[in-house]
Amino acid sequence: MEPDFPATPFTEALLKENEELRTENALLRERCSELEERVNKNSQNSSKPPSSDGYQKPRGALSI
């Protein structure tokens, strides 16, 4: 959607920068999602060995 104001070198530069920032933002959001998925993996829901889980109990574990 193009804005309804006259095109000047200044507005053209702002529109270009805005598009670049939107693209970068989308890439960063995607990367953040990938990293969050990686952090949330443990031996229960991935092919990681149990020794990589550390000392924390897996979520959903029964406490007796």
Protein backbone atom coordinates (compact mmCIF):
# COMPACT_ATOMS: atom_id res chain seq x y z
CA MET A 1 0.00 0.00 0.00
CA GLU A 2 1.50 3.28 -1.10
CA PRO A 3 0.99 6.36 1.09
CA ASP A 4 -0.91 9.41 -0.17
CA PHE A 5 1.81 12.07 -0.03
CA PRO A 6 4.17 13.51 -2.62
CA ALA A 7 7.29 11.53 -3.42
CA THR A 8 10.45 13.39 -2.51
CA PRO A 9 13.98 12.05 -2.05
CA PHE A 10 13.42 12.22 1.71
CA THR A 11 10.14 10.25 1.64
CA GLU A 12 11.61 7.76 -0.81
CA ALA A 13 14.52 7.16 1.57
CA LEU A 14 12.13 6.71 4.50
CA LEU A 15 9.96 4.27 2.56
CA LYS A 16 13.03 2.26 1.56
CA GLU A 17 14.35 2.20 5.13
CA ASN A 18 10.91 1.19 6.41
CA GLU A 19 10.78 -1.75 4.01
CA GLU A 20 14.30 -2.84 4.98
CA LEU A 21 13.41 -2.68 8.68
CA ARG A 22 10.22 -4.69 8.12
CA THR A 23 12.23 -7.37 6.32
CA GLU A 24 14.85 -7.46 9.06
CA ASN A 25 12.12 -7.61 11.72
CA ALA A 26 10.51 -10.63 10.01
CA LEU A 27 13.87 -12.43 9.84
CA LEU A 28 14.61 -11.70 13.49
CA ARG A 29 11.16 -12.94 14.57
CA GLU A 30 11.74 -16.17 12.66
CA ARG A 31 15.18 -16.62 14.24
CA CYS A 32 13.76 -15.94 17.70
CA SER A 33 11.10 -18.62 17.17
CA GLU A 34 13.75 -21.12 16.07
CA LEU A 35 15.87 -20.39 19.15
CA GLU A 36 12.86 -20.66 21.49
CA GLU A 37 12.01 -24.05 20.00
CA ARG A 38 15.60 -25.20 20.49
CA VAL A 39 15.67 -24.06 24.14
CA ASN A 40 12.42 -25.88 24.91
CA LYS A 41 13.69 -29.24 23.67
CA ASN A 42 14.80 -31.98 26.06
CA SER A 43 15.30 -35.73 25.90
CA GLN A 44 11.54 -36.29 26.24
CA ASN A 45 10.60 -34.41 23.05
CA SER A 46 13.71 -34.70 20.85
CA SER A 47 16.57 -36.99 19.98
CA LYS A 48 18.81 -35.37 22.63
CA PRO A 49 20.34 -37.79 25.14
CA PRO A 50 19.02 -37.63 28.74
CA SER A 51 22.44 -36.49 29.95
CA SER A 52 21.93 -33.20 28.08
CA ASP A 53 18.87 -32.34 30.20
CA GLY A 54 20.94 -31.14 33.13
CA TYR A 55 19.66 -31.32 36.69
CA GLN A 56 16.21 -29.89 36.07
CA LYS A 57 13.19 -32.18 36.14
CA PRO A 58 11.40 -32.33 32.82
CA ARG A 59 8.16 -30.41 32.73
CA GLY A 60 5.18 -32.58 33.45
CA ALA A 61 7.20 -34.96 35.61
CA LEU A 62 5.33 -36.45 38.55
CA SER A 63 6.63 -35.50 41.96
CA ILE A 64 6.32 -38.21 44.58
